[in-house]
Each structure stands twice: as C-alpha cells, then as structure tokens.
C-alpha cells in the first residue's frame, strides 16, 4: 500500500504561495523601515501578481 499526499487544487496552491510571499514581503519591508501602509500596498500587489503567475505558469 502506497501512501501519497492528497490532491490539492492548483488555485489553493497558488493562493498559499501568494500568502507566504505577501507575509515575507510585508514583514521584510517593515523590518527595513518602510512605512506600514506602503509596505502593505506593495506586498498586496506583489502577492496578487505572484498568485496570477503561479496560477497560470506553475506546475
């Protein structure tokens, strides 16, 4: 009997990538002194673009 991981929808996987990178970019920008509002907007836009990229081109 071979145990394997359950199948995860590609959209869910793309969303997880986007959330991880959003948090990484947001906290990284705040850590280096960028204001929270600017860091949030840049991380939000970047997270959305990462979501689209992984959704369309990821495996």
PDB file of N, CA and C in Angstrom:
ATOM      1  N   UNK A   1       0.842  -1.172   0.000  1.00  0.00           N
ATOM      2  CA  UNK A   1       0.000   0.000   0.000  1.00  0.00           C
ATOM      3  C   UNK A   1       0.889   1.237   0.000  1.00  0.00           C
ATOM      4  N   UNK A   2       0.705   2.062  -0.985  1.00  0.00           N
ATOM      5  CA  UNK A   2       1.489   3.282  -1.104  1.00  0.00           C
ATOM      6  C   UNK A   2       0.665   4.462  -0.604  1.00  0.00           C
ATOM      7  N   UNK A   3       1.201   5.152   0.362  1.00  0.00           N
ATOM      8  CA  UNK A   3       0.537   6.359   0.853  1.00  0.00           C
ATOM      9  C   UNK A   3       1.053   7.550   0.068  1.00  0.00           C
ATOM     10  N   UNK A   4       0.170   8.389  -0.361  1.00  0.00           N
ATOM     11  CA  UNK A   4       0.573   9.579  -1.094  1.00  0.00           C
ATOM     12  C   UNK A   4      -0.210  10.770  -0.583  1.00  0.00           C
ATOM     13  N   UNK A   5       0.301  11.937  -0.880  1.00  0.00           N
ATOM     14  CA  UNK A   5      -0.351  13.156  -0.433  1.00  0.00           C
ATOM     15  C   UNK A   5      -1.691  13.326  -1.136  1.00  0.00           C
ATOM     16  N   UNK A   6      -2.643  13.942  -0.457  1.00  0.00           N
ATOM     17  CA  UNK A   6      -3.919  14.196  -1.125  1.00  0.00           C
ATOM     18  C   UNK A   6      -3.751  15.243  -2.224  1.00  0.00           C
ATOM     19  N   UNK A   7      -4.604  15.169  -3.194  1.00  0.00           N
ATOM     20  CA  UNK A   7      -4.568  16.115  -4.299  1.00  0.00           C
ATOM     21  C   UNK A   7      -5.010  17.498  -3.812  1.00  0.00           C
ATOM     22  N   UNK A   8      -4.227  18.507  -4.153  1.00  0.00           N
ATOM     23  CA  UNK A   8      -4.554  19.889  -3.778  1.00  0.00           C
ATOM     24  C   UNK A   8      -4.822  20.665  -5.065  1.00  0.00           C
ATOM     25  N   UNK A   9      -5.934  21.364  -5.101  1.00  0.00           N
ATOM     26  CA  UNK A   9      -6.291  22.154  -6.273  1.00  0.00           C
ATOM     27  C   UNK A   9      -5.216  23.187  -6.572  1.00  0.00           C
ATOM     28  N   UNK A  10      -5.013  23.451  -7.853  1.00  0.00           N
ATOM     29  CA  UNK A  10      -3.957  24.380  -8.259  1.00  0.00           C
ATOM     30  C   UNK A  10      -4.221  25.801  -7.753  1.00  0.00           C
ATOM     31  N   UNK A  11      -5.481  26.199  -7.677  1.00  0.00           N
ATOM     32  CA  UNK A  11      -5.816  27.528  -7.167  1.00  0.00           C
ATOM     33  C   UNK A  11      -5.467  27.677  -5.694  1.00  0.00           C
ATOM     34  N   UNK A  12      -5.670  26.614  -4.916  1.00  0.00           N
ATOM     35  CA  UNK A  12      -5.320  26.643  -3.498  1.00  0.00           C
ATOM     36  C   UNK A  12      -3.813  26.740  -3.335  1.00  0.00           C
ATOM     37  N   UNK A  13      -3.087  25.976  -4.126  1.00  0.00           N
ATOM     38  CA  UNK A  13      -1.630  26.024  -4.079  1.00  0.00           C
ATOM     39  C   UNK A  13      -1.119  27.420  -4.459  1.00  0.00           C
ATOM     40  N   UNK A  14      -1.726  28.038  -5.455  1.00  0.00           N
ATOM     41  CA  UNK A  14      -1.338  29.391  -5.870  1.00  0.00           C
ATOM     42  C   UNK A  14      -1.625  30.395  -4.762  1.00  0.00           C
ATOM     43  N   UNK A  15      -2.765  30.246  -4.094  1.00  0.00           N
ATOM     44  CA  UNK A  15      -3.122  31.144  -3.000  1.00  0.00           C
ATOM     45  C   UNK A  15      -2.136  31.016  -1.839  1.00  0.00           C
ATOM     46  N   UNK A  16      -1.715  29.806  -1.525  1.00  0.00           N
ATOM     47  CA  UNK A  16      -0.746  29.598  -0.445  1.00  0.00           C
ATOM     48  C   UNK A  16       0.584  30.263  -0.786  1.00  0.00           C
ATOM     49  N   UNK A  17       1.048  30.096  -2.023  1.00  0.00           N
ATOM     50  CA  UNK A  17       2.279  30.778  -2.445  1.00  0.00           C
ATOM     51  C   UNK A  17       2.142  32.294  -2.293  1.00  0.00           C
ATOM     52  N   UNK A  18       1.012  32.837  -2.713  1.00  0.00           N
ATOM     53  CA  UNK A  18       0.793  34.275  -2.647  1.00  0.00           C
ATOM     54  C   UNK A  18       0.783  34.772  -1.205  1.00  0.00           C
ATOM     55  N   UNK A  19       0.131  34.041  -0.301  1.00  0.00           N
ATOM     56  CA  UNK A  19       0.081  34.453   1.107  1.00  0.00           C
ATOM     57  C   UNK A  19       1.468  34.408   1.731  1.00  0.00           C
ATOM     58  N   UNK A  20       2.218  33.350   1.452  1.00  0.00           N
ATOM     59  CA  UNK A  20       3.575  33.239   2.007  1.00  0.00           C
ATOM     60  C   UNK A  20       4.447  34.394   1.531  1.00  0.00           C
ATOM     61  N   UNK A  21       4.424  34.681   0.238  1.00  0.00           N
ATOM     62  CA  UNK A  21       5.247  35.778  -0.269  1.00  0.00           C
ATOM     63  C   UNK A  21       4.742  37.133   0.200  1.00  0.00           C
ATOM     64  N   UNK A  22       3.430  37.303   0.345  1.00  0.00           N
ATOM     65  CA  UNK A  22       2.886  38.543   0.885  1.00  0.00           C
ATOM     66  C   UNK A  22       3.443  38.800   2.282  1.00  0.00           C
ATOM     67  N   UNK A  23       3.372  37.786   3.140  1.00  0.00           N
ATOM     68  CA  UNK A  23       3.869  37.946   4.515  1.00  0.00           C
ATOM     69  C   UNK A  23       5.367  38.213   4.528  1.00  0.00           C
ATOM     70  N   UNK A  24       6.111  37.497   3.697  1.00  0.00           N
ATOM     71  CA  UNK A  24       7.557  37.696   3.610  1.00  0.00           C
ATOM     72  C   UNK A  24       7.895  39.125   3.171  1.00  0.00           C
ATOM     73  N   UNK A  25       7.219  39.601   2.141  1.00  0.00           N
ATOM     74  CA  UNK A  25       7.488  40.947   1.639  1.00  0.00           C
ATOM     75  C   UNK A  25       7.044  42.017   2.629  1.00  0.00           C
ATOM     76  N   UNK A  26       5.878  41.824   3.246  1.00  0.00           N
ATOM     77  CA  UNK A  26       5.367  42.821   4.179  1.00  0.00           C
ATOM     78  C   UNK A  26       6.289  42.968   5.390  1.00  0.00           C
ATOM     79  N   UNK A  27       6.564  41.860   6.057  1.00  0.00           N
ATOM     80  CA  UNK A  27       7.395  41.934   7.259  1.00  0.00           C
ATOM     81  C   UNK A  27       8.831  42.325   6.932  1.00  0.00           C
ATOM     82  N   UNK A  28       9.315  41.919   5.771  1.00  0.00           N
ATOM     83  CA  UNK A  28      10.651  42.335   5.349  1.00  0.00           C
ATOM     84  C   UNK A  28      10.732  43.833   5.109  1.00  0.00           C
ATOM     85  N   UNK A  29       9.718  44.391   4.471  1.00  0.00           N
ATOM     86  CA  UNK A  29       9.705  45.830   4.202  1.00  0.00           C
ATOM     87  C   UNK A  29       9.568  46.625   5.499  1.00  0.00           C
ATOM     88  N   UNK A  30       8.720  46.166   6.415  1.00  0.00           N
ATOM     89  CA  UNK A  30       8.561  46.851   7.696  1.00  0.00           C
ATOM     90  C   UNK A  30       9.860  46.772   8.502  1.00  0.00           C
ATOM     91  N   UNK A  31      10.565  45.645   8.404  1.00  0.00           N
ATOM     92  CA  UNK A  31      11.814  45.464   9.149  1.00  0.00           C
ATOM     93  C   UNK A  31      12.909  46.420   8.679  1.00  0.00           C
ATOM     94  N   UNK A  32      12.885  46.790   7.408  1.00  0.00           N
ATOM     95  CA  UNK A  32      13.932  47.698   6.921  1.00  0.00           C
ATOM     96  C   UNK A  32      13.510  49.159   6.972  1.00  0.00           C
ATOM     97  N   UNK A  33      12.330  49.438   7.513  1.00  0.00           N
ATOM     98  CA  UNK A  33      11.952  50.820   7.755  1.00  0.00           C
ATOM     99  C   UNK A  33      10.938  51.430   6.813  1.00  0.00           C
ATOM    100  N   UNK A  34      10.330  50.655   5.960  1.00  0.00           N
ATOM    101  CA  UNK A  34       9.283  51.175   5.081  1.00  0.00           C
ATOM    102  C   UNK A  34       8.016  51.346   5.913  1.00  0.00           C
ATOM    103  N   UNK A  35       7.261  52.410   5.658  1.00  0.00           N
ATOM    104  CA  UNK A  35       6.037  52.622   6.424  1.00  0.00           C
ATOM    105  C   UNK A  35       5.070  51.469   6.187  1.00  0.00           C
ATOM    106  N   UNK A  36       4.222  51.222   7.178  1.00  0.00           N
ATOM    107  CA  UNK A  36       3.337  50.058   7.113  1.00  0.00           C
ATOM    108  C   UNK A  36       2.349  50.129   5.956  1.00  0.00           C
ATOM    109  N   UNK A  37       1.836  51.315   5.675  1.00  0.00           N
ATOM    110  CA  UNK A  37       0.882  51.459   4.575  1.00  0.00           C
ATOM    111  C   UNK A  37       1.510  51.154   3.224  1.00  0.00           C
ATOM    112  N   UNK A  38       2.676  51.703   3.002  1.00  0.00           N
ATOM    113  CA  UNK A  38       3.381  51.452   1.746  1.00  0.00           C
ATOM    114  C   UNK A  38       3.774  49.991   1.628  1.00  0.00           C
ATOM    115  N   UNK A  39       4.270  49.420   2.723  1.00  0.00           N
ATOM    116  CA  UNK A  39       4.659  48.012   2.714  1.00  0.00           C
ATOM    117  C   UNK A  39       3.455  47.125   2.416  1.00  0.00           C
ATOM    118  N   UNK A  40       2.295  47.465   2.996  1.00  0.00           N
ATOM    119  CA  UNK A  40       1.101  46.672   2.765  1.00  0.00           C
ATOM    120  C   UNK A  40       0.677  46.720   1.305  1.00  0.00           C
ATOM    121  N   UNK A  41       0.649  47.911   0.726  1.00  0.00           N
ATOM    122  CA  UNK A  41       0.219  48.044  -0.669  1.00  0.00           C
ATOM    123  C   UNK A  41       1.168  47.333  -1.630  1.00  0.00           C
ATOM    124  N   UNK A  42       2.456  47.504  -1.425  1.00  0.00           N
ATOM    125  CA  UNK A  42       3.433  46.854  -2.306  1.00  0.00           C
ATOM    126  C   UNK A  42       3.349  45.340  -2.158  1.00  0.00           C
ATOM    127  N   UNK A  43       3.241  44.856  -0.931  1.00  0.00           N
ATOM    128  CA  UNK A  43       3.148  43.409  -0.701  1.00  0.00           C
ATOM    129  C   UNK A  43       1.840  42.855  -1.254  1.00  0.00           C
ATOM    130  N   UNK A  44       0.752  43.610  -1.145  1.00  0.00           N
ATOM    131  CA  UNK A  44      -0.539  43.166  -1.658  1.00  0.00           C
ATOM    132  C   UNK A  44      -0.510  43.023  -3.176  1.00  0.00           C
ATOM    133  N   UNK A  45       0.001  44.020  -3.849  1.00  0.00           N
ATOM    134  CA  UNK A  45       0.087  43.970  -5.311  1.00  0.00           C
ATOM    135  C   UNK A  45       1.036  42.852  -5.743  1.00  0.00           C
ATOM    136  N   UNK A  46       2.170  42.737  -5.062  1.00  0.00           N
ATOM    137  CA  UNK A  46       3.123  41.681  -5.400  1.00  0.00           C
ATOM    138  C   UNK A  46       2.531  40.302  -5.137  1.00  0.00           C
ATOM    139  N   UNK A  47       1.824  40.148  -4.040  1.00  0.00           N
ATOM    140  CA  UNK A  47       1.181  38.871  -3.741  1.00  0.00           C
ATOM    141  C   UNK A  47       0.154  38.494  -4.797  1.00  0.00           C
ATOM    142  N   UNK A  48      -0.611  39.473  -5.264  1.00  0.00           N
ATOM    143  CA  UNK A  48      -1.596  39.205  -6.306  1.00  0.00           C
ATOM    144  C   UNK A  48      -0.918  38.792  -7.612  1.00  0.00           C
ATOM    145  N   UNK A  49       0.164  39.482  -7.954  1.00  0.00           N
ATOM    146  CA  UNK A  49       0.890  39.124  -9.177  1.00  0.00           C
ATOM    147  C   UNK A  49       1.537  37.752  -9.059  1.00  0.00           C
ATOM    148  N   UNK A  50       2.024  37.412  -7.883  1.00  0.00           N
ATOM    149  CA  UNK A  50       2.585  36.082  -7.662  1.00  0.00           C
ATOM    150  C   UNK A  50       1.487  35.031  -7.786  1.00  0.00           C
ATOM    151  N   UNK A  51       0.304  35.331  -7.243  1.00  0.00           N
ATOM    152  CA  UNK A  51      -0.827  34.415  -7.380  1.00  0.00           C
ATOM    153  C   UNK A  51      -1.132  34.153  -8.854  1.00  0.00           C
ATOM    154  N   UNK A  52      -1.218  35.226  -9.638  1.00  0.00           N
ATOM    155  CA  UNK A  52      -1.513  35.060 -11.064  1.00  0.00           C
ATOM    156  C   UNK A  52      -0.419  34.289 -11.781  1.00  0.00           C
ATOM    157  N   UNK A  53       0.833  34.581 -11.459  1.00  0.00           N
ATOM    158  CA  UNK A  53       1.939  33.897 -12.119  1.00  0.00           C
ATOM    159  C   UNK A  53       1.927  32.403 -11.810  1.00  0.00           C
ATOM    160  N   UNK A  54       1.788  32.049 -10.528  1.00  0.00           N
ATOM    161  CA  UNK A  54       1.776  30.638 -10.161  1.00  0.00           C
ATOM    162  C   UNK A  54       0.528  29.957 -10.704  1.00  0.00           C
ATOM    163  N   UNK A  55      -0.582  30.664 -10.731  1.00  0.00           N
ATOM    164  CA  UNK A  55      -1.830  30.080 -11.243  1.00  0.00           C
ATOM    165  C   UNK A  55      -1.743  29.774 -12.728  1.00  0.00           C
ATOM    166  N   UNK A  56      -1.089  30.649 -13.492  1.00  0.00           N
ATOM    167  CA  UNK A  56      -1.050  30.455 -14.935  1.00  0.00           C
ATOM    168  C   UNK A  56       0.154  29.648 -15.400  1.00  0.00           C
ATOM    169  N   UNK A  57       1.289  29.767 -14.713  1.00  0.00           N
ATOM    170  CA  UNK A  57       2.504  29.134 -15.206  1.00  0.00           C
ATOM    171  C   UNK A  57       3.063  28.034 -14.305  1.00  0.00           C
ATOM    172  N   UNK A  58       2.546  27.919 -13.085  1.00  0.00           N
ATOM    173  CA  UNK A  58       3.068  26.932 -12.150  1.00  0.00           C
ATOM    174  C   UNK A  58       2.672  25.515 -12.500  1.00  0.00           C
ATOM    175  N   UNK A  59       3.314  24.576 -11.822  1.00  0.00           N
ATOM    176  CA  UNK A  59       3.008  23.167 -12.097  1.00  0.00           C
ATOM    177  C   UNK A  59       2.135  22.601 -10.995  1.00  0.00           C
TER     178      UNK A  59
END
